[in-house]
Protein backbone atom coordinates (compact mmCIF):
# COMPACT_ATOMS: atom_id res chain seq x y z
CA MET A 1 31.78 -30.04 9.02
CA ARG A 2 30.02 -27.51 6.52
CA SER A 3 29.27 -30.42 4.22
CA VAL A 4 27.84 -32.48 6.95
CA ILE A 5 25.36 -29.56 7.86
CA LEU A 6 24.21 -29.29 4.24
CA THR A 7 23.79 -33.04 3.85
CA VAL A 8 21.67 -33.05 7.01
CA LEU A 9 19.51 -30.17 5.70
CA ASP A 10 19.23 -31.75 2.40
CA TRP A 11 17.96 -34.85 3.95
CA ALA A 12 15.62 -32.92 6.28
CA ILE A 13 14.13 -31.08 3.40
CA GLN A 14 13.60 -34.25 1.32
CA VAL A 15 11.85 -35.89 4.24
CA TYR A 16 9.46 -32.81 4.71
CA ILE A 17 8.58 -32.78 0.82
CA LEU A 18 7.83 -36.61 1.27
CA LEU A 19 5.47 -35.60 4.22
CA ILE A 20 3.66 -33.02 2.33
CA VAL A 21 3.29 -35.44 -0.55
CA PHE A 22 1.98 -38.11 1.85
CA ARG A 23 -0.53 -35.57 3.34
CA VAL A 24 -1.83 -34.65 -0.14
CA PHE A 25 -2.49 -38.35 -0.89
CA LEU A 26 -4.12 -39.19 2.34
CA SER A 27 -6.28 -36.03 2.14
CA TRP A 28 -8.13 -37.68 -0.94
CA GLY A 29 -9.84 -39.85 1.69
CA PHE A 30 -7.64 -43.00 1.72
CA LEU A 31 -7.77 -43.25 5.45
CA PRO A 32 -9.77 -41.39 8.14
CA ILE A 33 -8.13 -38.28 9.57
CA ARG A 34 -7.57 -39.81 12.99
CA TYR A 35 -4.85 -42.05 11.58
CA TRP A 36 -2.76 -39.18 9.95
CA ARG A 37 -3.51 -36.13 12.31
CA TRP A 38 0.28 -36.14 13.11
CA LEU A 39 1.08 -35.67 9.56
CA VAL A 40 -1.20 -32.41 9.50
CA ARG A 41 0.47 -31.21 12.72
CA LEU A 42 4.04 -31.62 11.08
CA THR A 43 2.98 -29.91 7.64
CA GLU A 44 0.30 -27.36 8.70
CA PRO A 45 2.80 -24.86 10.14
CA VAL A 46 4.37 -24.39 6.73
CA LEU A 47 1.24 -24.75 4.47
CA ALA A 48 -1.05 -22.44 6.41
CA PRO A 49 1.07 -19.31 5.59
CA VAL A 50 1.16 -19.98 2.05
CA ARG A 51 -2.52 -20.63 1.92
CA ARG A 52 -2.98 -17.25 3.60
CA LEU A 53 -0.80 -15.58 1.10
CA LEU A 54 -2.64 -17.13 -1.87
CA GLY A 55 -5.85 -16.00 -0.29
CA ARG A 56 -9.37 -16.35 -2.09
CA SER A 57 -8.94 -16.37 -5.83
CA ALA A 58 -11.54 -14.76 -8.14
CA VAL A 59 -12.72 -18.20 -9.14
CA SER A 60 -13.58 -20.37 -6.17
CA THR A 61 -11.80 -23.60 -6.45
CA ALA A 62 -11.67 -26.82 -4.21
CA ILE A 63 -8.19 -27.35 -5.04
CA ASP A 64 -5.36 -26.32 -2.60
CA PHE A 65 -2.20 -25.25 -4.29
CA SER A 66 -0.21 -24.52 -1.19
CA PRO A 67 1.28 -27.93 -0.89
CA ALA A 68 2.56 -27.57 -4.65
CA ILE A 69 3.94 -24.27 -3.95
CA VAL A 70 5.73 -25.22 -0.69
CA VAL A 71 7.32 -28.40 -2.41
CA LEU A 72 8.50 -26.10 -5.26
CA LEU A 73 10.07 -23.70 -2.75
CA LEU A 74 11.73 -26.47 -0.85
CA VAL A 75 13.18 -27.94 -4.17
CA LEU A 76 14.64 -24.73 -5.04
CA LEU A 77 16.03 -24.46 -1.69
CA ARG A 78 17.60 -27.91 -1.84
CA ARG A 79 19.24 -26.86 -5.38
CA TRP A 80 20.55 -23.59 -3.62
CA LEU A 81 22.04 -25.67 -0.71
CA ARG A 82 23.60 -28.02 -3.17
CA SER A 83 25.24 -25.45 -5.00
CA LEU A 84 26.77 -24.29 -1.73
CA GLY A 85 28.35 -27.61 -1.12
């Protein structure tokens, strides 16, 4: 039973990573936001707190590093979960 739960969690984390990656690509202007607003609703609850923690850097930049940080943390979480199974 434990391995089933870990497998489901691993799968869910991987899907969420892919959603964040898709959001990054779509944010570059491939499609109008009305077509991927659902993706923003799914990913923003995790990205927004990281964005607040990063705050404003001394050098103003247009690059949002929160997706990269969240993906890195999720990859580390997946590794940890795999070590449990």
